[in-house]
Amino acid sequence: QVQLVESGGGLVQPGGSLRLSCAASGSIFSINVMGWYRQAPGKQRELVADITSGGSTSYTDSVKGRYTISRDNAKNTVELRMNSLKAEDTAVYSCKDHVATVAVKYRYREVWGQGTLVTVSS
């Protein structure tokens, strides 16, 4: 079984910064894509940023230039650095990994974290 645990959410003023972390644990053989999603009140969940095992990244347009995603393959962690935060960035942020376990090395499945709330407000 694989679990993802996020940390780093909280309340921040507009223009401020936060860093989110997500750690995967369990019987992990390999992690392919690691990503961060968010869901604001009354809105659909959206992909914020993701990163492949080789380090290729992609971002949704609204966060380009402000957010940076990175990963540590040795520690099975993914981080999201968020700068110049705006009120519209307020949401529950969740990480999602594509994980292959030791028991089933040939198949990747999605694993979600529980989410962490980011509130941008003065």
PDB file of N, CA and C in Angstrom:
ATOM      1  N   GLN A   1       0.847  -1.193   0.000  1.00  0.00           N
ATOM      2  CA  GLN A   1       0.000   0.000   0.000  1.00  0.00           C
ATOM      3  C   GLN A   1       0.880   1.239   0.000  1.00  0.00           C
ATOM      4  N   VAL A   2       0.442   2.230  -0.736  1.00  0.00           N
ATOM      5  CA  VAL A   2       1.203   3.477  -0.856  1.00  0.00           C
ATOM      6  C   VAL A   2       0.355   4.614  -0.313  1.00  0.00           C
ATOM      7  N   GLN A   3       0.981   5.494   0.439  1.00  0.00           N
ATOM      8  CA  GLN A   3       0.295   6.665   0.974  1.00  0.00           C
ATOM      9  C   GLN A   3       1.053   7.925   0.613  1.00  0.00           C
ATOM     10  N   LEU A   4       0.284   8.992   0.384  1.00  0.00           N
ATOM     11  CA  LEU A   4       0.859  10.307   0.147  1.00  0.00           C
ATOM     12  C   LEU A   4       0.421  11.228   1.276  1.00  0.00           C
ATOM     13  N   VAL A   5       1.356  11.974   1.814  1.00  0.00           N
ATOM     14  CA  VAL A   5       1.050  12.905   2.892  1.00  0.00           C
ATOM     15  C   VAL A   5       1.560  14.283   2.513  1.00  0.00           C
ATOM     16  N   GLU A   6       0.626  15.247   2.459  1.00  0.00           N
ATOM     17  CA  GLU A   6       0.995  16.622   2.122  1.00  0.00           C
ATOM     18  C   GLU A   6       1.221  17.432   3.389  1.00  0.00           C
ATOM     19  N   SER A   7       1.981  18.488   3.246  1.00  0.00           N
ATOM     20  CA  SER A   7       2.197  19.433   4.337  1.00  0.00           C
ATOM     21  C   SER A   7       2.521  20.796   3.745  1.00  0.00           C
ATOM     22  N   GLY A   8       2.352  21.826   4.562  1.00  0.00           N
ATOM     23  CA  GLY A   8       2.777  23.153   4.155  1.00  0.00           C
ATOM     24  C   GLY A   8       1.678  24.138   3.841  1.00  0.00           C
ATOM     25  N   GLY A   9       0.435  23.718   3.881  1.00  0.00           N
ATOM     26  CA  GLY A   9      -0.641  24.671   3.607  1.00  0.00           C
ATOM     27  C   GLY A   9      -0.819  25.641   4.749  1.00  0.00           C
ATOM     28  N   GLY A  10      -1.710  26.621   4.543  1.00  0.00           N
ATOM     29  CA  GLY A  10      -1.963  27.588   5.598  1.00  0.00           C
ATOM     30  C   GLY A  10      -2.506  28.887   5.048  1.00  0.00           C
ATOM     31  N   LEU A  11      -2.488  29.902   5.906  1.00  0.00           N
ATOM     32  CA  LEU A  11      -2.983  31.227   5.550  1.00  0.00           C
ATOM     33  C   LEU A  11      -1.807  32.127   5.200  1.00  0.00           C
ATOM     34  N   VAL A  12      -1.920  32.825   4.099  1.00  0.00           N
ATOM     35  CA  VAL A  12      -0.860  33.731   3.666  1.00  0.00           C
ATOM     36  C   VAL A  12      -1.505  34.969   3.059  1.00  0.00           C
ATOM     37  N   GLN A  13      -0.826  36.088   3.186  1.00  0.00           N
ATOM     38  CA  GLN A  13      -1.337  37.325   2.613  1.00  0.00           C
ATOM     39  C   GLN A  13      -1.076  37.368   1.114  1.00  0.00           C
ATOM     40  N   PRO A  14      -1.881  38.126   0.387  1.00  0.00           N
ATOM     41  CA  PRO A  14      -1.613  38.294  -1.044  1.00  0.00           C
ATOM     42  C   PRO A  14      -0.189  38.797  -1.274  1.00  0.00           C
ATOM     43  N   GLY A  15       0.458  38.201  -2.269  1.00  0.00           N
ATOM     44  CA  GLY A  15       1.850  38.533  -2.546  1.00  0.00           C
ATOM     45  C   GLY A  15       2.843  37.677  -1.803  1.00  0.00           C
ATOM     46  N   GLY A  16       2.371  36.890  -0.872  1.00  0.00           N
ATOM     47  CA  GLY A  16       3.242  36.048  -0.069  1.00  0.00           C
ATOM     48  C   GLY A  16       3.604  34.750  -0.756  1.00  0.00           C
ATOM     49  N   SER A  17       4.315  33.910  -0.009  1.00  0.00           N
ATOM     50  CA  SER A  17       4.804  32.643  -0.547  1.00  0.00           C
ATOM     51  C   SER A  17       4.491  31.498   0.403  1.00  0.00           C
ATOM     52  N   LEU A  18       4.354  30.329  -0.170  1.00  0.00           N
ATOM     53  CA  LEU A  18       4.188  29.100   0.582  1.00  0.00           C
ATOM     54  C   LEU A  18       4.910  27.986  -0.153  1.00  0.00           C
ATOM     55  N   ARG A  19       5.266  26.967   0.615  1.00  0.00           N
ATOM     56  CA  ARG A  19       5.874  25.786   0.020  1.00  0.00           C
ATOM     57  C   ARG A  19       5.095  24.564   0.480  1.00  0.00           C
ATOM     58  N   LEU A  20       4.609  23.803  -0.478  1.00  0.00           N
ATOM     59  CA  LEU A  20       3.903  22.560  -0.189  1.00  0.00           C
ATOM     60  C   LEU A  20       4.822  21.373  -0.454  1.00  0.00           C
ATOM     61  N   SER A  21       4.697  20.370   0.398  1.00  0.00           N
ATOM     62  CA  SER A  21       5.473  19.150   0.209  1.00  0.00           C
ATOM     63  C   SER A  21       4.546  17.948   0.228  1.00  0.00           C
ATOM     64  N   CYS A  22       4.932  16.922  -0.503  1.00  0.00           N
ATOM     65  CA  CYS A  22       4.157  15.688  -0.548  1.00  0.00           C
ATOM     66  C   CYS A  22       5.141  14.522  -0.510  1.00  0.00           C
ATOM     67  N   ALA A  23       4.974  13.672   0.480  1.00  0.00           N
ATOM     68  CA  ALA A  23       5.876  12.532   0.647  1.00  0.00           C
ATOM     69  C   ALA A  23       5.122  11.238   0.430  1.00  0.00           C
ATOM     70  N   ALA A  24       5.666  10.393  -0.414  1.00  0.00           N
ATOM     71  CA  ALA A  24       5.075   9.073  -0.675  1.00  0.00           C
ATOM     72  C   ALA A  24       5.801   8.019   0.146  1.00  0.00           C
ATOM     73  N   SER A  25       5.024   7.108   0.701  1.00  0.00           N
ATOM     74  CA  SER A  25       5.625   6.036   1.482  1.00  0.00           C
ATOM     75  C   SER A  25       4.892   4.732   1.214  1.00  0.00           C
ATOM     76  N   GLY A  26       5.572   3.637   1.529  1.00  0.00           N
ATOM     77  CA  GLY A  26       4.979   2.329   1.306  1.00  0.00           C
ATOM     78  C   GLY A  26       5.855   1.486   0.420  1.00  0.00           C
ATOM     79  N   SER A  27       5.242   0.495  -0.198  1.00  0.00           N
ATOM     80  CA  SER A  27       5.969  -0.462  -1.011  1.00  0.00           C
ATOM     81  C   SER A  27       6.118   0.071  -2.442  1.00  0.00           C
ATOM     82  N   ILE A  28       6.989   1.051  -2.587  1.00  0.00           N
ATOM     83  CA  ILE A  28       7.145   1.761  -3.862  1.00  0.00           C
ATOM     84  C   ILE A  28       8.288   1.176  -4.673  1.00  0.00           C
ATOM     85  N   PHE A  29       7.976   0.855  -5.923  1.00  0.00           N
ATOM     86  CA  PHE A  29       9.022   0.429  -6.845  1.00  0.00           C
ATOM     87  C   PHE A  29       9.475   1.604  -7.699  1.00  0.00           C
ATOM     88  N   SER A  30       8.506   2.376  -8.188  1.00  0.00           N
ATOM     89  CA  SER A  30       8.841   3.499  -9.050  1.00  0.00           C
ATOM     90  C   SER A  30       7.685   4.492  -9.073  1.00  0.00           C
ATOM     91  N   ILE A  31       8.021   5.757  -9.219  1.00  0.00           N
ATOM     92  CA  ILE A  31       7.006   6.796  -9.382  1.00  0.00           C
ATOM     93  C   ILE A  31       7.250   7.506 -10.696  1.00  0.00           C
ATOM     94  N   ASN A  32       6.248   7.541 -11.528  1.00  0.00           N
ATOM     95  CA  ASN A  32       6.380   8.180 -12.834  1.00  0.00           C
ATOM     96  C   ASN A  32       6.077   9.662 -12.678  1.00  0.00           C
ATOM     97  N   VAL A  33       4.887  10.068 -13.016  1.00  0.00           N
ATOM     98  CA  VAL A  33       4.534  11.482 -12.928  1.00  0.00           C
ATOM     99  C   VAL A  33       4.053  11.822 -11.514  1.00  0.00           C
ATOM    100  N   MET A  34       4.500  12.952 -11.026  1.00  0.00           N
ATOM    101  CA  MET A  34       4.034  13.487  -9.739  1.00  0.00           C
ATOM    102  C   MET A  34       3.392  14.840 -10.029  1.00  0.00           C
ATOM    103  N   GLY A  35       2.243  15.089  -9.453  1.00  0.00           N
ATOM    104  CA  GLY A  35       1.553  16.326  -9.772  1.00  0.00           C
ATOM    105  C   GLY A  35       0.845  16.946  -8.590  1.00  0.00           C
ATOM    106  N   TRP A  36       0.553  18.214  -8.754  1.00  0.00           N
ATOM    107  CA  TRP A  36      -0.248  18.961  -7.783  1.00  0.00           C
ATOM    108  C   TRP A  36      -1.528  19.432  -8.458  1.00  0.00           C
ATOM    109  N   TYR A  37      -2.631  19.235  -7.767  1.00  0.00           N
ATOM    110  CA  TYR A  37      -3.937  19.677  -8.231  1.00  0.00           C
ATOM    111  C   TYR A  37      -4.521  20.610  -7.177  1.00  0.00           C
ATOM    112  N   ARG A  38      -5.514  21.367  -7.586  1.00  0.00           N
ATOM    113  CA  ARG A  38      -6.206  22.199  -6.606  1.00  0.00           C
ATOM    114  C   ARG A  38      -7.686  22.279  -6.951  1.00  0.00           C
ATOM    115  N   GLN A  39      -8.464  22.479  -5.899  1.00  0.00           N
ATOM    116  CA  GLN A  39      -9.896  22.659  -6.083  1.00  0.00           C
ATOM    117  C   GLN A  39     -10.355  23.805  -5.195  1.00  0.00           C
ATOM    118  N   ALA A  40     -10.810  24.857  -5.847  1.00  0.00           N
ATOM    119  CA  ALA A  40     -11.340  26.020  -5.145  1.00  0.00           C
ATOM    120  C   ALA A  40     -12.821  25.798  -4.868  1.00  0.00           C
ATOM    121  N   PRO A  41     -13.365  26.495  -3.883  1.00  0.00           N
ATOM    122  CA  PRO A  41     -14.790  26.341  -3.563  1.00  0.00           C
ATOM    123  C   PRO A  41     -15.662  26.607  -4.786  1.00  0.00           C
ATOM    124  N   GLY A  42     -16.543  25.677  -5.070  1.00  0.00           N
ATOM    125  CA  GLY A  42     -17.466  25.850  -6.178  1.00  0.00           C
ATOM    126  C   GLY A  42     -16.877  25.622  -7.556  1.00  0.00           C
ATOM    127  N   LYS A  43     -15.635  25.183  -7.610  1.00  0.00           N
ATOM    128  CA  LYS A  43     -14.978  24.976  -8.909  1.00  0.00           C
ATOM    129  C   LYS A  43     -14.509  23.536  -9.049  1.00  0.00           C
ATOM    130  N   GLN A  44     -14.230  23.159 -10.276  1.00  0.00           N
ATOM    131  CA  GLN A  44     -13.710  21.824 -10.528  1.00  0.00           C
ATOM    132  C   GLN A  44     -12.229  21.757 -10.183  1.00  0.00           C
ATOM    133  N   ARG A  45     -11.793  20.561  -9.851  1.00  0.00           N
ATOM    134  CA  ARG A  45     -10.382  20.359  -9.589  1.00  0.00           C
ATOM    135  C   ARG A  45      -9.584  20.565 -10.865  1.00  0.00           C
ATOM    136  N   GLU A  46      -8.433  21.193 -10.742  1.00  0.00           N
ATOM    137  CA  GLU A  46      -7.593  21.436 -11.907  1.00  0.00           C
ATOM    138  C   GLU A  46      -6.161  21.032 -11.615  1.00  0.00           C
ATOM    139  N   LEU A  47      -5.475  20.644 -12.671  1.00  0.00           N
ATOM    140  CA  LEU A  47      -4.055  20.336 -12.573  1.00  0.00           C
ATOM    141  C   LEU A  47      -3.285  21.646 -12.486  1.00  0.00           C
ATOM    142  N   VAL A  48      -2.473  21.795 -11.477  1.00  0.00           N
ATOM    143  CA  VAL A  48      -1.665  22.998 -11.302  1.00  0.00           C
ATOM    144  C   VAL A  48      -0.301  22.827 -11.958  1.00  0.00           C
ATOM    145  N   ALA A  49       0.358  21.726 -11.654  1.00  0.00           N
ATOM    146  CA  ALA A  49       1.693  21.479 -12.192  1.00  0.00           C
ATOM    147  C   ALA A  49       2.008  20.004 -12.041  1.00  0.00           C
ATOM    148  N   ASP A  50       2.829  19.498 -12.953  1.00  0.00           N
ATOM    149  CA  ASP A  50       3.309  18.138 -12.784  1.00  0.00           C
ATOM    150  C   ASP A  50       4.743  18.025 -13.259  1.00  0.00           C
ATOM    151  N   ILE A  51       5.366  16.916 -12.876  1.00  0.00           N
ATOM    152  CA  ILE A  51       6.771  16.705 -13.192  1.00  0.00           C
ATOM    153  C   ILE A  51       7.001  15.216 -13.419  1.00  0.00           C
ATOM    154  N   THR A  52       7.724  14.898 -14.478  1.00  0.00           N
ATOM    155  CA  THR A  52       8.016  13.500 -14.790  1.00  0.00           C
ATOM    156  C   THR A  52       9.237  13.031 -14.006  1.00  0.00           C
ATOM    157  N   SER A  53       9.487  11.747 -14.063  1.00  0.00           N
ATOM    158  CA  SER A  53      10.654  11.200 -13.378  1.00  0.00           C
ATOM    159  C   SER A  53      11.957  11.745 -13.959  1.00  0.00           C
ATOM    160  N   GLY A  54      11.901  12.191 -15.195  1.00  0.00           N
ATOM    161  CA  GLY A  54      13.089  12.778 -15.817  1.00  0.00           C
ATOM    162  C   GLY A  54      13.248  14.262 -15.560  1.00  0.00           C
ATOM    163  N   GLY A  55      12.246  14.855 -14.892  1.00  0.00           N
ATOM    164  CA  GLY A  55      12.354  16.257 -14.529  1.00  0.00           C
ATOM    165  C   GLY A  55      11.629  17.228 -15.445  1.00  0.00           C
ATOM    166  N   SER A  56      10.912  16.736 -16.437  1.00  0.00           N
ATOM    167  CA  SER A  56      10.141  17.637 -17.296  1.00  0.00           C
ATOM    168  C   SER A  56       8.922  18.135 -16.540  1.00  0.00           C
ATOM    169  N   THR A  57       8.669  19.433 -16.667  1.00  0.00           N
ATOM    170  CA  THR A  57       7.587  20.053 -15.904  1.00  0.00           C
ATOM    171  C   THR A  57       6.563  20.702 -16.824  1.00  0.00           C
ATOM    172  N   SER A  58       5.366  20.842 -16.307  1.00  0.00           N
ATOM    173  CA  SER A  58       4.331  21.608 -17.000  1.00  0.00           C
ATOM    174  C   SER A  58       3.488  22.316 -15.948  1.00  0.00           C
ATOM    175  N   TYR A  59       2.929  23.454 -16.348  1.00  0.00           N
ATOM    176  CA  TYR A  59       2.157  24.290 -15.437  1.00  0.00           C
ATOM    177  C   TYR A  59       0.898  24.789 -16.125  1.00  0.00           C
ATOM    178  N   THR A  60      -0.140  24.978 -15.330  1.00  0.00           N
ATOM    179  CA  THR A  60      -1.304  25.639 -15.874  1.00  0.00           C
ATOM    180  C   THR A  60      -0.958  27.115 -16.057  1.00  0.00           C
ATOM    181  N   ASP A  61      -1.585  27.758 -17.031  1.00  0.00           N
ATOM    182  CA  ASP A  61      -1.190  29.118 -17.396  1.00  0.00           C
ATOM    183  C   ASP A  61      -1.247  30.101 -16.225  1.00  0.00           C
ATOM    184  N   SER A  62      -2.219  29.945 -15.374  1.00  0.00           N
ATOM    185  CA  SER A  62      -2.435  30.936 -14.315  1.00  0.00           C
ATOM    186  C   SER A  62      -1.322  30.957 -13.258  1.00  0.00           C
ATOM    187  N   VAL A  63      -0.479  29.931 -13.223  1.00  0.00           N
ATOM    188  CA  VAL A  63       0.581  29.896 -12.203  1.00  0.00           C
ATOM    189  C   VAL A  63       1.982  29.990 -12.802  1.00  0.00           C
ATOM    190  N   LYS A  64       2.071  30.024 -14.116  1.00  0.00           N
ATOM    191  CA  LYS A  64       3.384  30.093 -14.762  1.00  0.00           C
ATOM    192  C   LYS A  64       4.140  31.337 -14.309  1.00  0.00           C
ATOM    193  N   GLY A  65       5.387  31.141 -13.962  1.00  0.00           N
ATOM    194  CA  GLY A  65       6.205  32.244 -13.486  1.00  0.00           C
ATOM    195  C   GLY A  65       6.095  32.497 -12.001  1.00  0.00           C
ATOM    196  N   ARG A  66       5.100  31.886 -11.364  1.00  0.00           N
ATOM    197  CA  ARG A  66       4.915  32.086  -9.929  1.00  0.00           C
ATOM    198  C   ARG A  66       5.150  30.807  -9.120  1.00  0.00           C
ATOM    199  N   TYR A  67       4.815  29.669  -9.702  1.00  0.00           N
ATOM    200  CA  TYR A  67       4.952  28.385  -9.024  1.00  0.00           C
ATOM    201  C   TYR A  67       6.111  27.606  -9.627  1.00  0.00           C
ATOM    202  N   THR A  68       6.738  26.805  -8.767  1.00  0.00           N
ATOM    203  CA  THR A  68       7.801  25.912  -9.229  1.00  0.00           C
ATOM    204  C   THR A  68       7.599  24.536  -8.594  1.00  0.00           C
ATOM    205  N   ILE A  69       7.560  23.520  -9.438  1.00  0.00           N
ATOM    206  CA  ILE A  69       7.438  22.153  -8.945  1.00  0.00           C
ATOM    207  C   ILE A  69       8.788  21.473  -9.045  1.00  0.00           C
ATOM    208  N   SER A  70       9.108  20.665  -8.047  1.00  0.00           N
ATOM    209  CA  SER A  70      10.364  19.922  -8.055  1.00  0.00           C
ATOM    210  C   SER A  70      10.147  18.594  -7.333  1.00  0.00           C
ATOM    211  N   ARG A  71      11.056  17.674  -7.546  1.00  0.00           N
ATOM    212  CA  ARG A  71      10.924  16.373  -6.909  1.00  0.00           C
ATOM    213  C   ARG A  71      12.286  15.844  -6.500  1.00  0.00           C
ATOM    214  N   ASP A  72      12.242  14.960  -5.518  1.00  0.00           N
ATOM    215  CA  ASP A  72      13.441  14.259  -5.079  1.00  0.00           C
ATOM    216  C   ASP A  72      13.155  12.778  -5.261  1.00  0.00           C
ATOM    217  N   ASN A  73      13.705  12.182  -6.286  1.00  0.00           N
ATOM    218  CA  ASN A  73      13.395  10.788  -6.595  1.00  0.00           C
ATOM    219  C   ASN A  73      13.901   9.829  -5.515  1.00  0.00           C
ATOM    220  N   ALA A  74      14.970  10.180  -4.869  1.00  0.00           N
ATOM    221  CA  ALA A  74      15.509   9.311  -3.824  1.00  0.00           C
ATOM    222  C   ALA A  74      14.614   9.274  -2.590  1.00  0.00           C
ATOM    223  N   LYS A  75      13.938  10.392  -2.335  1.00  0.00           N
ATOM    224  CA  LYS A  75      13.073  10.488  -1.150  1.00  0.00           C
ATOM    225  C   LYS A  75      11.595  10.314  -1.492  1.00  0.00           C
ATOM    226  N   ASN A  76      11.272  10.182  -2.772  1.00  0.00           N
ATOM    227  CA  ASN A  76       9.874  10.056  -3.215  1.00  0.00           C
ATOM    228  C   ASN A  76       9.032  11.238  -2.753  1.00  0.00           C
ATOM    229  N   THR A  77       9.575  12.419  -2.914  1.00  0.00           N
ATOM    230  CA  THR A  77       8.857  13.619  -2.520  1.00  0.00           C
ATOM    231  C   THR A  77       8.698  14.564  -3.710  1.00  0.00           C
ATOM    232  N   VAL A  78       7.655  15.349  -3.652  1.00  0.00           N
ATOM    233  CA  VAL A  78       7.425  16.404  -4.641  1.00  0.00           C
ATOM    234  C   VAL A  78       7.073  17.663  -3.877  1.00  0.00           C
ATOM    235  N   GLU A  79       7.577  18.776  -4.370  1.00  0.00           N
ATOM    236  CA  GLU A  79       7.399  20.050  -3.688  1.00  0.00           C
ATOM    237  C   GLU A  79       6.812  21.061  -4.660  1.00  0.00           C
ATOM    238  N   LEU A  80       6.008  21.966  -4.119  1.00  0.00           N
ATOM    239  CA  LEU A  80       5.447  23.046  -4.928  1.00  0.00           C
ATOM    240  C   LEU A  80       5.741  24.363  -4.209  1.00  0.00           C
ATOM    241  N   ARG A  81       6.574  25.152  -4.817  1.00  0.00           N
ATOM    242  CA  ARG A  81       6.873  26.476  -4.274  1.00  0.00           C
ATOM    243  C   ARG A  81       5.957  27.482  -4.952  1.00  0.00           C
ATOM    244  N   MET A  82       5.250  28.246  -4.144  1.00  0.00           N
ATOM    245  CA  MET A  82       4.258  29.188  -4.658  1.00  0.00           C
ATOM    246  C   MET A  82       4.635  30.597  -4.224  1.00  0.00           C
ATOM    247  N   ASN A  83       4.867  31.451  -5.192  1.00  0.00           N
ATOM    248  CA  ASN A  83       5.215  32.845  -4.923  1.00  0.00           C
ATOM    249  C   ASN A  83       4.143  33.765  -5.489  1.00  0.00           C
ATOM    250  N   SER A  84       4.188  35.013  -5.034  1.00  0.00           N
ATOM    251  CA  SER A  84       3.255  36.038  -5.527  1.00  0.00           C
ATOM    252  C   SER A  84       1.817  35.534  -5.486  1.00  0.00           C
ATOM    253  N   LEU A  85       1.447  34.965  -4.365  1.00  0.00           N
ATOM    254  CA  LEU A  85       0.122  34.344  -4.249  1.00  0.00           C
ATOM    255  C   LEU A  85      -0.992  35.374  -4.337  1.00  0.00           C
ATOM    256  N   LYS A  86      -2.085  34.940  -4.948  1.00  0.00           N
ATOM    257  CA  LYS A  86      -3.251  35.786  -5.148  1.00  0.00           C
ATOM    258  C   LYS A  86      -4.455  35.157  -4.453  1.00  0.00           C
ATOM    259  N   ALA A  87      -5.468  35.956  -4.249  1.00  0.00           N
ATOM    260  CA  ALA A  87      -6.683  35.441  -3.605  1.00  0.00           C
ATOM    261  C   ALA A  87      -7.263  34.277  -4.396  1.00  0.00           C
ATOM    262  N   GLU A  88      -7.156  34.335  -5.704  1.00  0.00           N
ATOM    263  CA  GLU A  88      -7.706  33.272  -6.544  1.00  0.00           C
ATOM    264  C   GLU A  88      -6.907  31.976  -6.490  1.00  0.00           C
ATOM    265  N   ASP A  89      -5.789  31.978  -5.795  1.00  0.00           N
ATOM    266  CA  ASP A  89      -5.035  30.745  -5.580  1.00  0.00           C
ATOM    267  C   ASP A  89      -5.572  29.948  -4.395  1.00  0.00           C
ATOM    268  N   THR A  90      -6.494  30.533  -3.678  1.00  0.00           N
ATOM    269  CA  THR A  90      -7.092  29.850  -2.536  1.00  0.00           C
ATOM    270  C   THR A  90      -7.792  28.573  -2.980  1.00  0.00           C
ATOM    271  N   ALA A  91      -7.406  27.457  -2.364  1.00  0.00           N
ATOM    272  CA  ALA A  91      -7.961  26.163  -2.758  1.00  0.00           C
ATOM    273  C   ALA A  91      -7.396  25.073  -1.857  1.00  0.00           C
ATOM    274  N   VAL A  92      -7.977  23.884  -1.978  1.00  0.00           N
ATOM    275  CA  VAL A  92      -7.369  22.696  -1.390  1.00  0.00           C
ATOM    276  C   VAL A  92      -6.420  22.122  -2.433  1.00  0.00           C
ATOM    277  N   TYR A  93      -5.174  21.987  -2.056  1.00  0.00           N
ATOM    278  CA  TYR A  93      -4.145  21.469  -2.947  1.00  0.00           C
ATOM    279  C   TYR A  93      -3.867  20.010  -2.593  1.00  0.00           C
ATOM    280  N   SER A  94      -3.857  19.170  -3.625  1.00  0.00           N
ATOM    281  CA  SER A  94      -3.626  17.742  -3.423  1.00  0.00           C
ATOM    282  C   SER A  94      -2.539  17.262  -4.376  1.00  0.00           C
ATOM    283  N   CYS A  95      -1.751  16.339  -3.901  1.00  0.00           N
ATOM    284  CA  CYS A  95      -0.755  15.742  -4.784  1.00  0.00           C
ATOM    285  C   CYS A  95      -1.268  14.404  -5.305  1.00  0.00           C
ATOM    286  N   LYS A  96      -0.821  14.062  -6.474  1.00  0.00           N
ATOM    287  CA  LYS A  96      -1.170  12.788  -7.093  1.00  0.00           C
ATOM    288  C   LYS A  96       0.066  12.211  -7.745  1.00  0.00           C
ATOM    289  N   ASP A  97       0.350  10.963  -7.444  1.00  0.00           N
ATOM    290  CA  ASP A  97       1.487  10.282  -8.042  1.00  0.00           C
ATOM    291  C   ASP A  97       1.019   9.092  -8.865  1.00  0.00           C
ATOM    292  N   HIS A  98       1.752   8.786  -9.899  1.00  0.00           N
ATOM    293  CA  HIS A  98       1.567   7.528 -10.643  1.00  0.00           C
ATOM    294  C   HIS A  98       2.627   6.570 -10.116  1.00  0.00           C
ATOM    295  N   VAL A  99       2.168   5.571  -9.387  1.00  0.00           N
ATOM    296  CA  VAL A  99       3.076   4.723  -8.616  1.00  0.00           C
ATOM    297  C   VAL A  99       3.004   3.269  -9.077  1.00  0.00           C
ATOM    298  N   ALA A 100       4.171   2.658  -9.223  1.00  0.00           N
ATOM    299  CA  ALA A 100       4.266   1.211  -9.408  1.00  0.00           C
ATOM    300  C   ALA A 100       4.799   0.620  -8.110  1.00  0.00           C
ATOM    301  N   THR A 101       4.126  -0.393  -7.618  1.00  0.00           N
ATOM    302  CA  THR A 101       4.541  -0.987  -6.353  1.00  0.00           C
ATOM    303  C   THR A 101       5.507  -2.138  -6.584  1.00  0.00           C
ATOM    304  N   VAL A 102       6.141  -2.553  -5.508  1.00  0.00           N
ATOM    305  CA  VAL A 102       7.065  -3.684  -5.582  1.00  0.00           C
ATOM    306  C   VAL A 102       6.333  -4.940  -6.039  1.00  0.00           C
ATOM    307  N   ALA A 103       5.095  -5.081  -5.625  1.00  0.00           N
ATOM    308  CA  ALA A 103       4.323  -6.277  -5.963  1.00  0.00           C
ATOM    309  C   ALA A 103       3.894  -6.295  -7.425  1.00  0.00           C
ATOM    310  N   VAL A 104       3.626  -5.104  -7.992  1.00  0.00           N
ATOM    311  CA  VAL A 104       3.146  -5.018  -9.376  1.00  0.00           C
ATOM    312  C   VAL A 104       4.011  -3.997 -10.110  1.00  0.00           C
ATOM    313  N   LYS A 105       5.179  -4.362 -10.456  1.00  0.00           N
ATOM    314  CA  LYS A 105       6.158  -3.414 -11.008  1.00  0.00           C
ATOM    315  C   LYS A 105       5.769  -2.888 -12.385  1.00  0.00           C
ATOM    316  N   TYR A 106       4.952  -3.617 -13.108  1.00  0.00           N
ATOM    317  CA  TYR A 106       4.706  -3.265 -14.507  1.00  0.00           C
ATOM    318  C   TYR A 106       3.512  -2.343 -14.690  1.00  0.00           C
ATOM    319  N   ARG A 107       2.810  -1.978 -13.620  1.00  0.00           N
ATOM    320  CA  ARG A 107       1.620  -1.174 -13.776  1.00  0.00           C
ATOM    321  C   ARG A 107       1.646   0.014 -12.816  1.00  0.00           C
ATOM    322  N   TYR A 108       1.401   1.181 -13.378  1.00  0.00           N
ATOM    323  CA  TYR A 108       1.330   2.389 -12.564  1.00  0.00           C
ATOM    324  C   TYR A 108      -0.133   2.694 -12.254  1.00  0.00           C
ATOM    325  N   ARG A 109      -0.396   3.086 -11.042  1.00  0.00           N
ATOM    326  CA  ARG A 109      -1.745   3.490 -10.665  1.00  0.00           C
ATOM    327  C   ARG A 109      -1.690   4.818  -9.936  1.00  0.00           C
ATOM    328  N   GLU A 110      -2.805   5.515  -9.955  1.00  0.00           N
ATOM    329  CA  GLU A 110      -2.867   6.827  -9.327  1.00  0.00           C
ATOM    330  C   GLU A 110      -3.065   6.700  -7.820  1.00  0.00           C
ATOM    331  N   VAL A 111      -2.335   7.512  -7.097  1.00  0.00           N
ATOM    332  CA  VAL A 111      -2.472   7.589  -5.645  1.00  0.00           C
ATOM    333  C   VAL A 111      -2.593   9.060  -5.271  1.00  0.00           C
ATOM    334  N   TRP A 112      -3.592   9.369  -4.462  1.00  0.00           N
ATOM    335  CA  TRP A 112      -3.855  10.752  -4.065  1.00  0.00           C
ATOM    336  C   TRP A 112      -3.514  10.976  -2.600  1.00  0.00           C
ATOM    337  N   GLY A 113      -3.082  12.199  -2.329  1.00  0.00           N
ATOM    338  CA  GLY A 113      -2.944  12.628  -0.946  1.00  0.00           C
ATOM    339  C   GLY A 113      -4.278  13.151  -0.433  1.00  0.00           C
ATOM    340  N   GLN A 114      -4.293  13.522   0.848  1.00  0.00           N
ATOM    341  CA  GLN A 114      -5.553  13.930   1.469  1.00  0.00           C
ATOM    342  C   GLN A 114      -5.885  15.392   1.213  1.00  0.00           C
ATOM    343  N   GLY A 115      -4.922  16.160   0.774  1.00  0.00           N
ATOM    344  CA  GLY A 115      -5.147  17.570   0.489  1.00  0.00           C
ATOM    345  C   GLY A 115      -4.733  18.479   1.632  1.00  0.00           C
ATOM    346  N   THR A 116      -4.326  19.671   1.264  1.00  0.00           N
ATOM    347  CA  THR A 116      -3.962  20.684   2.256  1.00  0.00           C
ATOM    348  C   THR A 116      -4.522  22.032   1.796  1.00  0.00           C
ATOM    349  N   LEU A 117      -5.090  22.773   2.731  1.00  0.00           N
ATOM    350  CA  LEU A 117      -5.777  24.019   2.386  1.00  0.00           C
ATOM    351  C   LEU A 117      -4.793  25.183   2.325  1.00  0.00           C
ATOM    352  N   VAL A 118      -4.880  25.906   1.240  1.00  0.00           N
ATOM    353  CA  VAL A 118      -4.119  27.148   1.083  1.00  0.00           C
ATOM    354  C   VAL A 118      -5.119  28.289   0.993  1.00  0.00           C
ATOM    355  N   THR A 119      -4.986  29.244   1.897  1.00  0.00           N
ATOM    356  CA  THR A 119      -5.880  30.402   1.912  1.00  0.00           C
ATOM    357  C   THR A 119      -5.052  31.660   1.742  1.00  0.00           C
ATOM    358  N   VAL A 120      -5.374  32.423   0.711  1.00  0.00           N
ATOM    359  CA  VAL A 120      -4.678  33.680   0.444  1.00  0.00           C
ATOM    360  C   VAL A 120      -5.647  34.809   0.743  1.00  0.00           C
ATOM    361  N   SER A 121      -5.356  35.532   1.809  1.00  0.00           N
ATOM    362  CA  SER A 121      -6.278  36.572   2.264  1.00  0.00           C
ATOM    363  C   SER A 121      -5.541  37.566   3.147  1.00  0.00           C
ATOM    364  N   SER A 122      -5.991  38.793   3.094  1.00  0.00           N
ATOM    365  CA  SER A 122      -5.425  39.813   3.966  1.00  0.00           C
ATOM    366  C   SER A 122      -6.247  39.946   5.239  1.00  0.00           C
TER     367      SER A 122
END
